[in-house]
C-alpha cells in the first residue's frame, strides 16, 4: 500500500501536464481536379478545372500552367493566374480560361496549380493538341471560252478555311504544266460567300498554243492550288471573201459586187471593197481600189462599189478584198470589158453666167447609139479646196426626160442655188438602156458678178 500512492501521484501529474500542452494543427493542402479541355482551335483552347477542397491553408494564387516542351509544367512556364482565393469556405472553386496564341497542330502539356504557404500544389497533367490549320478548298473548274489570244477560265473557292481569303484567281503557262502565281495570273479579292464560282480572262496569249492553267487561293500567306487543266488557243483565221460579177453602169464606169462570207477570228474587219487594174492582171490594194471603211457584224455581207473613169473598150482585172488585223485577204481575180458599143456619145459644153447664184451649162449628144435615150442633162459638184483632185461624181444635177429627135443635139441646163466664190466641176450625161454615159469633165468658178 505504501508503494501504490507514489505511483498514482506520478500518473496524475503527467496527466495534468499533458492536458496543459497546445494541440498541433495538421496542414491539409488544396485538392485540384483534372483539367477538362474543350473548344480547341488551331490557336486556342478552353481549359476548365476546379479546386474541389481548399484545404486549411490560405491560397495566395491559383490557375493554369502549360508548356509545349515541359511534360510537367511549372510556374516558370506559361501561366494564367487568378490570384488569391477570396472566400476559402466556398468549395468547389471552378475556374476556366481560354488560352490564346498557341501554335497550330502542336501538342501541349497543362495542369492546374495553387500556391499556399508551404509551396505550390499541382493537379494532374493533361495533354492536348491544337487543331490543324485548314486551307481554303479550291477547284479548277473549266474553260468557258477560247479565242486566238485570250480565254475565259473558271474556278471555284469551295470553302473558306481557318483564315480569311486574301486573293484568289487563275494562273496559266504555256511551258509550266503546274503553273503557279509566279507565272501569268489574274486575281481577285473580297470574297465572303462560299462556295464562290468565278471567271477570269487570260489575255496576251499566243495563237494556236497549248496552255496549262489552275485555280489558286491565298489565305494566311499560304497559296493553295486546284488541279491543272489544259486548253489550246485557236489558230488565226482570216475573213473569207468572194469576188462577184460586174455590170456596166456607163461607158466609163462599172458596178462590181463582192461578198464577205465570214469574219475570221483574228480581229475586227476595218476595210473591204474591190481593187482593180486595167494594166496588171493581179490587182492589189496597192493599185486602184474602191474601199468601204467599215466593220461587219453579220455574215455573209454582200456589197457593191462603183468604179469610174475607166478606159472604154479595155479589159479590167478586179477582185474583192477585206482587211482584218492589218492583213489583206483577196477573192478570185475576174475580168470584165466595158460594154460601150452602141451607147450614145456626148461632149460637155461651156458654162455661161446667168446670175449670182445660177449658171447655164451645156452638153451635146453627138450620136444616138443603138439604144433608146430616156434622159439627158448635166450634173455638178462644188470644190472648196483648189489643191484637191477634181471628183469624178456629181451630187447635184438637172435633166430632161425623153430623147432629142436629131443628132448631134446640143442642150442646156440651168444650175441654180450656187454659191458665189466657189469652184464647180460639171459634166454632161445621157441615159440609154439603163446605162449612164458621161461626157468630159469641165469646171467653172462662180463669180458674184462677172463684170
Protein backbone atom coordinates (compact mmCIF):
# COMPACT_ATOMS: atom_id res chain seq x y z
CA UNK A 1 0.00 0.00 0.00
CA UNK A 2 2.85 2.35 0.73
CA UNK A 3 4.27 1.92 -2.85
CA UNK A 4 0.93 2.44 -4.62
CA UNK A 5 0.42 6.03 -3.59
CA UNK A 6 3.61 7.48 -5.16
CA UNK A 7 2.78 5.82 -8.49
CA UNK A 8 -0.72 7.29 -8.54
CA UNK A 9 0.66 10.74 -7.83
CA UNK A 10 3.09 10.44 -10.73
CA UNK A 11 0.35 9.41 -13.18
CA UNK A 12 -1.89 12.29 -12.15
CA UNK A 13 0.97 14.73 -12.55
CA UNK A 14 1.68 13.54 -16.05
CA UNK A 15 -1.99 13.80 -16.96
CA UNK A 16 -2.17 17.38 -15.74
CA UNK A 17 0.98 18.35 -17.66
CA UNK A 18 -0.33 16.70 -20.85
CA UNK A 19 -3.68 18.47 -20.67
CA UNK A 20 -1.96 21.87 -20.41
CA UNK A 21 0.19 21.45 -23.67
CA UNK A 22 -1.06 23.31 -27.05
CA UNK A 23 -2.66 20.96 -29.67
CA UNK A 24 -0.78 20.99 -33.10
CA UNK A 25 -2.80 21.63 -36.46
CA UNK A 26 -2.01 19.19 -39.29
CA UNK A 27 -1.81 21.13 -42.68
CA UNK A 28 -4.31 19.97 -45.34
CA UNK A 29 -3.37 21.08 -48.94
CA UNK A 30 -5.94 22.04 -51.59
CA UNK A 31 -7.26 19.33 -53.87
CA UNK A 32 -7.18 20.12 -57.63
CA UNK A 33 -9.35 18.24 -60.13
CA UNK A 34 -8.17 17.05 -63.55
CA UNK A 35 -8.29 19.70 -66.28
CA UNK A 36 -11.06 19.49 -68.87
CA UNK A 37 -10.05 20.54 -72.43
CA UNK A 38 -12.66 21.88 -74.89
CA UNK A 39 -13.19 24.29 -77.77
CA UNK A 40 -9.83 23.51 -79.29
CA UNK A 41 -8.85 25.58 -82.34
CA UNK A 42 -5.61 25.94 -84.27
CA UNK A 43 -4.52 28.80 -81.97
CA UNK A 44 -6.52 28.49 -78.73
CA UNK A 45 -8.12 26.10 -76.24
CA UNK A 46 -10.55 26.34 -73.33
CA UNK A 47 -9.17 24.86 -70.09
CA UNK A 48 -11.54 24.19 -67.16
CA UNK A 49 -10.81 22.92 -63.64
CA UNK A 50 -11.96 23.15 -60.01
CA UNK A 51 -10.46 23.28 -56.51
CA UNK A 52 -12.67 20.61 -55.00
CA UNK A 53 -11.23 21.10 -51.49
CA UNK A 54 -9.48 24.33 -50.45
CA UNK A 55 -7.73 22.62 -47.52
CA UNK A 56 -6.94 24.51 -44.35
CA UNK A 57 -4.31 26.98 -45.65
CA UNK A 58 -4.69 30.29 -47.42
CA UNK A 59 -4.39 30.08 -51.21
CA UNK A 60 -2.45 33.08 -52.47
CA UNK A 61 -2.76 32.20 -56.18
CA UNK A 62 -4.21 29.54 -58.45
CA UNK A 63 -4.68 28.94 -62.16
CA UNK A 64 -3.12 27.03 -65.07
CA UNK A 65 0.41 26.39 -66.27
CA UNK A 66 1.18 24.95 -69.72
CA UNK A 67 4.13 24.21 -71.96
CA UNK A 68 4.93 22.88 -75.41
CA UNK A 69 8.14 21.17 -74.26
CA UNK A 70 7.93 20.61 -70.48
CA UNK A 71 5.95 17.46 -69.70
CA UNK A 72 5.40 18.70 -66.10
CA UNK A 73 4.88 22.44 -66.49
CA UNK A 74 5.64 24.70 -63.52
CA UNK A 75 5.23 28.35 -62.63
CA UNK A 76 8.34 29.02 -64.69
CA UNK A 77 6.41 28.04 -67.87
CA UNK A 78 3.43 29.84 -69.40
CA UNK A 79 0.83 30.62 -66.79
CA UNK A 80 -2.66 32.05 -66.38
CA UNK A 81 -3.14 33.28 -62.78
CA UNK A 82 -6.37 34.01 -60.94
CA UNK A 83 -4.84 35.42 -57.70
CA UNK A 84 -5.79 34.63 -54.11
CA UNK A 85 -8.91 32.74 -53.11
CA UNK A 86 -11.12 35.37 -51.51
CA UNK A 87 -13.54 33.01 -49.79
CA UNK A 88 -11.85 29.77 -48.60
CA UNK A 89 -15.10 28.49 -47.14
CA UNK A 90 -16.70 28.03 -50.56
CA UNK A 91 -15.93 24.87 -52.44
CA UNK A 92 -15.61 23.70 -55.09
CA UNK A 93 -13.97 26.73 -56.75
CA UNK A 94 -14.49 26.35 -60.51
CA UNK A 95 -12.34 28.30 -62.96
CA UNK A 96 -11.67 28.27 -66.72
CA UNK A 97 -9.62 30.22 -69.23
CA UNK A 98 -9.22 30.49 -72.99
CA UNK A 99 -5.53 30.03 -73.70
CA UNK A 100 -4.61 32.02 -76.84
CA UNK A 101 -1.57 32.41 -79.04
CA UNK A 102 -0.90 28.72 -79.41
CA UNK A 103 0.75 27.06 -82.40
CA UNK A 104 -1.37 25.04 -84.81
CA UNK A 105 -1.05 21.24 -84.88
CA UNK A 106 1.03 21.24 -81.67
CA UNK A 107 0.96 19.07 -78.52
CA UNK A 108 0.82 20.90 -75.18
CA UNK A 109 1.09 19.84 -71.51
CA UNK A 110 -1.11 21.61 -68.94
CA UNK A 111 -2.08 21.33 -65.27
CA UNK A 112 -3.73 23.43 -62.63
CA UNK A 113 -1.93 24.83 -59.64
CA UNK A 114 -2.49 26.57 -56.30
CA UNK A 115 0.04 28.37 -54.14
CA UNK A 116 -0.05 28.01 -50.35
CA UNK A 117 2.44 28.96 -47.65
CA UNK A 118 4.15 25.61 -47.73
CA UNK A 119 4.63 25.65 -51.51
CA UNK A 120 2.86 25.07 -54.83
CA UNK A 121 0.38 22.28 -55.29
CA UNK A 122 -0.21 20.95 -58.86
CA UNK A 123 -3.06 18.97 -60.28
CA UNK A 124 -2.72 16.07 -62.72
CA UNK A 125 -1.03 16.76 -66.06
CA UNK A 126 -3.32 16.83 -69.09
CA UNK A 127 -2.13 16.84 -72.72
CA UNK A 128 -3.97 18.38 -75.67
CA UNK A 129 -3.24 19.17 -79.30
CA UNK A 130 -4.29 22.33 -81.15
CA UNK A 131 -6.24 21.91 -84.36
CA UNK A 132 -4.68 21.82 -87.80
CA UNK A 133 -4.85 24.97 -89.93
CA UNK A 134 -7.42 24.35 -92.67
CA UNK A 135 -6.65 25.96 -96.01
CA UNK A 136 -9.48 27.03 -98.33
CA UNK A 137 -10.67 24.35 -100.75
CA UNK A 138 -10.14 25.40 -104.38
CA UNK A 139 -11.18 23.76 -107.64
CA UNK A 140 -10.06 24.38 -111.22
CA UNK A 141 -13.39 24.12 -112.95
CA UNK A 142 -13.48 24.66 -116.71
CA UNK A 143 -12.54 26.57 -119.85
CA UNK A 144 -15.54 28.70 -120.77
CA UNK A 145 -14.40 30.39 -123.99
CA UNK A 146 -11.22 30.18 -126.06
CA UNK A 147 -10.06 32.66 -128.71
CA UNK A 148 -6.81 33.22 -130.59
CA UNK A 149 -5.14 35.40 -127.94
CA UNK A 150 -7.44 35.10 -124.92
CA UNK A 151 -9.56 32.65 -122.96
CA UNK A 152 -12.18 32.81 -120.21
CA UNK A 153 -11.37 30.37 -117.38
CA UNK A 154 -13.43 29.34 -114.34
CA UNK A 155 -12.59 28.25 -110.80
CA UNK A 156 -14.47 27.62 -107.53
CA UNK A 157 -13.45 28.58 -103.98
CA UNK A 158 -15.42 25.84 -102.25
CA UNK A 159 -14.71 26.53 -98.53
CA UNK A 160 -13.16 29.34 -96.53
CA UNK A 161 -10.68 27.52 -94.28
CA UNK A 162 -9.26 28.78 -91.00
CA UNK A 163 -8.26 32.25 -92.17
CA UNK A 164 -9.74 34.91 -94.43
CA UNK A 165 -9.01 34.67 -98.15
CA UNK A 166 -6.74 37.49 -99.33
CA UNK A 167 -6.65 36.58 -103.04
CA UNK A 168 -7.99 34.02 -105.49
CA UNK A 169 -7.91 33.57 -109.25
CA UNK A 170 -6.36 31.59 -112.11
CA UNK A 171 -2.71 31.20 -113.14
CA UNK A 172 -1.55 29.84 -116.50
CA UNK A 173 1.55 28.99 -118.52
CA UNK A 174 2.43 27.55 -121.91
CA UNK A 175 5.65 25.96 -120.59
CA UNK A 176 4.93 25.01 -116.96
CA UNK A 177 2.47 22.12 -116.67
CA UNK A 178 1.92 23.07 -113.00
CA UNK A 179 1.60 26.85 -113.26
CA UNK A 180 1.96 29.00 -110.15
CA UNK A 181 1.29 32.61 -109.27
CA UNK A 182 4.86 33.31 -110.40
CA UNK A 183 3.62 32.63 -113.95
CA UNK A 184 0.87 34.65 -115.62
CA UNK A 185 -2.19 35.12 -113.45
CA UNK A 186 -5.42 37.05 -112.98
CA UNK A 187 -6.51 37.51 -109.37
CA UNK A 188 -9.46 38.78 -107.37
CA UNK A 189 -10.05 39.90 -103.77
CA UNK A 190 -13.03 40.43 -101.45
CA UNK A 191 -14.80 37.12 -101.05
CA UNK A 192 -17.40 36.49 -98.35
CA UNK A 193 -19.66 33.76 -99.71
CA UNK A 194 -18.66 30.10 -100.03
CA UNK A 195 -18.68 28.38 -102.38
CA UNK A 196 -17.91 31.15 -104.91
CA UNK A 197 -17.76 30.43 -108.64
CA UNK A 198 -15.65 32.94 -110.57
CA UNK A 199 -14.18 33.53 -114.02
CA UNK A 200 -11.09 35.40 -115.19
CA UNK A 201 -9.82 36.45 -118.60
CA UNK A 202 -6.44 35.10 -119.61
CA UNK A 203 -5.05 37.63 -122.10
CA UNK A 204 -1.98 38.23 -124.28
CA UNK A 205 -1.91 34.56 -125.29
CA UNK A 206 -0.18 33.17 -128.36
CA UNK A 207 -2.46 31.78 -131.09
CA UNK A 208 -2.51 28.03 -131.75
CA UNK A 209 -0.68 27.23 -128.48
CA UNK A 210 -1.31 24.77 -125.62
CA UNK A 211 -1.71 26.33 -122.15
CA UNK A 212 -1.92 24.81 -118.67
CA UNK A 213 -3.98 26.56 -116.00
CA UNK A 214 -5.18 26.03 -112.46
CA UNK A 215 -7.16 27.92 -109.86
CA UNK A 216 -5.45 29.31 -106.77
CA UNK A 217 -6.41 30.84 -103.43
CA UNK A 218 -4.21 32.66 -100.89
CA UNK A 219 -5.01 32.52 -97.15
CA UNK A 220 -2.73 33.45 -94.24
CA UNK A 221 0.13 33.82 -96.73
CA UNK A 222 -0.25 30.25 -98.00
CA UNK A 223 -1.21 29.59 -101.64
CA UNK A 224 -3.37 26.55 -102.39
CA UNK A 225 -3.90 25.30 -105.97
CA UNK A 226 -6.53 23.29 -107.76
CA UNK A 227 -5.82 20.62 -110.35
CA UNK A 228 -4.06 21.66 -113.57
CA UNK A 229 -6.16 21.64 -116.76
CA UNK A 230 -5.22 22.34 -120.36
CA UNK A 231 -6.59 24.24 -123.36
CA UNK A 232 -5.39 25.29 -126.83
CA UNK A 233 -5.78 28.77 -128.23
CA UNK A 234 -7.30 28.98 -131.68
CA UNK A 235 -5.24 29.35 -134.81
CA UNK A 236 -5.69 32.68 -136.61
CA UNK A 237 -8.15 32.52 -139.49
CA UNK A 238 -8.65 35.47 -141.80
CA UNK A 239 -12.03 36.53 -143.20
CA UNK A 240 -13.12 34.82 -146.39
CA UNK A 241 -14.24 36.90 -149.34
CA UNK A 242 -15.64 36.16 -152.78
CA UNK A 243 -15.48 38.23 -155.96
CA UNK A 244 -18.79 38.51 -157.82
CA UNK A 245 -19.77 39.76 -161.26
CA UNK A 246 -19.52 43.26 -162.71
CA UNK A 247 -22.08 45.22 -164.70
CA UNK A 248 -21.68 48.28 -166.89
CA UNK A 249 -23.15 51.50 -165.48
CA UNK A 250 -21.78 53.85 -168.14
CA UNK A 251 -19.31 53.83 -170.97
CA UNK A 252 -16.58 54.64 -168.44
CA UNK A 253 -17.87 53.04 -165.23
CA UNK A 254 -18.92 49.67 -163.83
CA UNK A 255 -20.57 48.31 -160.69
CA UNK A 256 -18.72 45.38 -159.12
CA UNK A 257 -20.12 43.13 -156.43
CA UNK A 258 -18.46 41.09 -153.71
CA UNK A 259 -19.40 39.20 -150.55
CA UNK A 260 -17.52 38.86 -147.24
CA UNK A 261 -18.51 35.30 -146.40
CA UNK A 262 -17.05 35.02 -142.87
CA UNK A 263 -15.29 37.27 -140.43
CA UNK A 264 -12.44 35.02 -139.33
CA UNK A 265 -11.17 35.28 -135.77
CA UNK A 266 -8.06 37.45 -135.92
CA UNK A 267 -9.63 40.85 -135.31
CA UNK A 268 -12.44 43.13 -136.40
CA UNK A 269 -12.69 43.96 -140.08
CA UNK A 270 -11.52 47.52 -140.76
CA UNK A 271 -11.98 47.75 -144.52
CA UNK A 272 -13.29 45.86 -147.54
CA UNK A 273 -14.02 46.59 -151.19
CA UNK A 274 -12.78 46.00 -154.74
CA UNK A 275 -9.31 46.55 -156.16
CA UNK A 276 -8.72 46.69 -159.90
CA UNK A 277 -6.32 47.48 -162.70
CA UNK A 278 -6.54 47.87 -166.47
CA UNK A 279 -2.83 47.16 -166.69
CA UNK A 280 -1.91 44.48 -164.14
CA UNK A 281 -3.54 41.06 -164.26
CA UNK A 282 -3.12 40.56 -160.47
CA UNK A 283 -4.60 43.68 -158.90
CA UNK A 284 -3.90 44.51 -155.24
CA UNK A 285 -4.82 47.30 -152.87
CA UNK A 286 -1.58 48.97 -153.96
CA UNK A 287 -3.23 49.56 -157.33
CA UNK A 288 -6.64 51.21 -157.69
CA UNK A 289 -9.35 50.35 -155.19
CA UNK A 290 -12.85 51.32 -154.10
CA UNK A 291 -13.00 50.81 -150.35
CA UNK A 292 -15.69 50.62 -147.69
CA UNK A 293 -14.05 51.67 -144.38
CA UNK A 294 -16.45 49.88 -142.07
CA UNK A 295 -16.77 46.91 -139.76
CA UNK A 296 -19.14 43.99 -140.34
CA UNK A 297 -21.26 42.35 -137.66
CA UNK A 298 -23.43 39.99 -139.71
CA UNK A 299 -22.13 37.47 -142.23
CA UNK A 300 -22.29 36.91 -145.13
CA UNK A 301 -22.12 40.60 -146.13
CA UNK A 302 -22.81 41.37 -149.81
CA UNK A 303 -21.62 44.73 -151.08
CA UNK A 304 -21.10 46.64 -154.33
CA UNK A 305 -18.88 49.53 -155.41
CA UNK A 306 -18.89 51.81 -158.45
CA UNK A 307 -15.70 52.35 -160.41
CA UNK A 308 -15.48 55.42 -162.63
CA UNK A 309 -13.22 56.96 -165.28
CA UNK A 310 -12.28 53.68 -166.89
CA UNK A 311 -10.96 53.45 -170.42
CA UNK A 312 -13.62 52.30 -172.82
CA UNK A 313 -13.21 49.01 -174.66
CA UNK A 314 -10.40 47.97 -172.29
CA UNK A 315 -10.42 44.88 -170.12
CA UNK A 316 -10.41 45.43 -166.36
CA UNK A 317 -8.91 42.99 -163.86
CA UNK A 318 -10.57 43.09 -160.45
CA UNK A 319 -11.08 41.16 -157.21
CA UNK A 320 -12.71 41.69 -153.83
CA UNK A 321 -10.58 42.25 -150.72
CA UNK A 322 -11.02 42.53 -146.96
CA UNK A 323 -8.60 43.79 -144.27
CA UNK A 324 -8.54 42.37 -140.74
CA UNK A 325 -5.75 42.72 -138.19
CA UNK A 326 -3.74 44.55 -140.85
CA UNK A 327 -3.81 41.52 -143.16
CA UNK A 328 -5.41 41.75 -146.64
CA UNK A 329 -7.35 38.75 -147.90
CA UNK A 330 -8.42 38.55 -151.56
CA UNK A 331 -11.12 36.85 -153.56
CA UNK A 332 -10.67 35.33 -157.00
CA UNK A 333 -9.49 37.54 -159.86
CA UNK A 334 -12.11 38.27 -162.51
CA UNK A 335 -12.03 40.22 -165.77
CA UNK A 336 -14.61 42.47 -167.39
CA UNK A 337 -14.80 44.59 -170.53
CA UNK A 338 -17.00 47.67 -170.59
CA UNK A 339 -19.93 47.34 -172.96
CA UNK A 340 -19.52 50.65 -174.82
CA UNK A 341 -20.56 49.75 -178.33
CA UNK A 342 -23.98 51.02 -179.30
CA UNK A 343 -24.21 53.65 -176.49
CA UNK A 344 -24.58 57.39 -177.16
CA UNK A 345 -21.54 59.64 -177.31
CA UNK A 346 -21.60 63.15 -175.89
CA UNK A 347 -19.49 66.17 -175.07
CA UNK A 348 -19.70 68.53 -172.13
CA UNK A 349 -20.10 72.12 -173.30
CA UNK A 350 -19.26 75.51 -171.82
CA UNK A 351 -20.83 77.34 -168.88
CA UNK A 352 -22.26 80.87 -169.09
CA UNK A 353 -23.24 83.31 -166.35
CA UNK A 354 -26.92 83.75 -165.53
CA UNK A 355 -26.97 85.31 -162.09
CA UNK A 356 -25.03 85.43 -158.81
CA UNK A 357 -26.49 82.01 -157.86
CA UNK A 358 -27.03 80.31 -161.23
CA UNK A 359 -25.11 79.22 -164.31
CA UNK A 360 -26.14 77.81 -167.71
CA UNK A 361 -24.40 74.54 -168.52
CA UNK A 362 -24.27 72.97 -171.99
CA UNK A 363 -23.94 69.48 -173.37
CA UNK A 364 -24.05 67.87 -176.82
CA UNK A 365 -25.21 64.33 -177.66
CA UNK A 366 -23.10 63.62 -180.71
CA UNK A 367 -24.51 60.23 -181.69
CA UNK A 368 -27.66 58.45 -180.60
CA UNK A 369 -26.27 54.90 -180.49
CA UNK A 370 -28.33 51.73 -180.75
CA UNK A 371 -30.46 52.19 -177.64
CA UNK A 372 -33.37 54.45 -176.83
CA UNK A 373 -32.40 57.54 -174.83
CA UNK A 374 -34.64 58.08 -171.81
CA UNK A 375 -32.94 61.01 -170.06
CA UNK A 376 -30.12 63.52 -170.54
CA UNK A 377 -28.74 66.51 -168.64
CA UNK A 378 -25.82 67.90 -166.65
CA UNK A 379 -24.62 67.17 -163.09
CA UNK A 380 -22.24 69.26 -160.96
CA UNK A 381 -20.36 69.37 -157.69
CA UNK A 382 -18.57 72.19 -155.85
CA UNK A 383 -14.93 72.19 -154.75
CA UNK A 384 -13.63 74.44 -151.98
CA UNK A 385 -10.02 73.23 -151.98
CA UNK A 386 -8.34 74.03 -155.28
CA UNK A 387 -5.41 71.72 -154.44
CA UNK A 388 -7.62 68.61 -154.33
CA UNK A 389 -8.07 66.31 -157.26
CA UNK A 390 -11.37 67.01 -159.00
CA UNK A 391 -14.05 64.45 -158.07
CA UNK A 392 -15.49 62.17 -160.71
CA UNK A 393 -19.08 62.06 -159.44
CA UNK A 394 -21.74 64.73 -159.07
CA UNK A 395 -24.27 65.15 -156.28
CA UNK A 396 -26.43 67.86 -157.92
CA UNK A 397 -27.94 67.88 -161.37
CA UNK A 398 -30.83 68.63 -163.67
CA UNK A 399 -32.14 66.52 -166.53
CA UNK A 400 -34.52 66.45 -169.47
CA UNK A 401 -36.76 63.42 -169.83
CA UNK A 402 -37.06 61.72 -173.21
CA UNK A 403 -34.76 61.91 -176.21
CA UNK A 404 -33.74 64.51 -178.80
CA UNK A 405 -35.02 63.82 -182.30
CA UNK A 406 -31.98 64.96 -184.25
CA UNK A 407 -28.28 64.44 -183.69
CA UNK A 408 -25.95 65.97 -182.83
CA UNK A 409 -28.24 67.59 -180.24
CA UNK A 410 -26.99 70.49 -178.11
CA UNK A 411 -28.91 71.31 -174.94
CA UNK A 412 -28.55 73.47 -171.83
CA UNK A 413 -29.37 73.11 -168.16
CA UNK A 414 -29.70 75.86 -165.56
CA UNK A 415 -27.66 75.10 -162.46
CA UNK A 416 -29.26 77.00 -159.56
CA UNK A 417 -28.66 77.66 -155.85
CA UNK A 418 -24.94 78.03 -156.44
CA UNK A 419 -22.51 79.65 -154.03
CA UNK A 420 -20.52 82.69 -155.11
CA UNK A 421 -16.77 82.38 -154.91
CA UNK A 422 -16.88 78.61 -155.40
CA UNK A 423 -15.28 76.34 -157.97
CA UNK A 424 -17.62 73.80 -159.57
CA UNK A 425 -16.98 70.69 -161.63
CA UNK A 426 -19.64 69.51 -164.09
CA UNK A 427 -20.24 67.12 -166.94
CA UNK A 428 -22.99 66.17 -169.34
CA UNK A 429 -24.71 62.79 -169.14
CA UNK A 430 -27.19 60.68 -171.06
CA UNK A 431 -29.11 57.55 -170.03
CA UNK A 432 -29.75 54.81 -172.61
CA UNK A 433 -30.76 51.21 -171.96
CA UNK A 434 -30.42 51.90 -168.25
CA UNK A 435 -26.74 52.86 -168.64
CA UNK A 436 -25.47 56.35 -167.86
CA UNK A 437 -22.81 57.72 -170.18
CA UNK A 438 -20.86 60.82 -169.11
CA UNK A 439 -19.16 63.49 -171.11
CA UNK A 440 -15.82 65.04 -170.30
CA UNK A 441 -15.35 66.93 -167.04
CA UNK A 442 -15.22 70.73 -167.05
CA UNK A 443 -15.12 73.41 -164.35
CA UNK A 444 -16.31 76.96 -163.78
CA UNK A 445 -15.72 79.47 -161.00
CA UNK A 446 -18.92 81.01 -159.75
CA UNK A 447 -18.48 84.76 -159.56
CA UNK A 448 -20.93 87.04 -157.85
CA UNK A 449 -20.76 89.45 -160.79
CA UNK A 450 -18.59 88.70 -163.88
CA UNK A 451 -18.33 92.43 -164.62
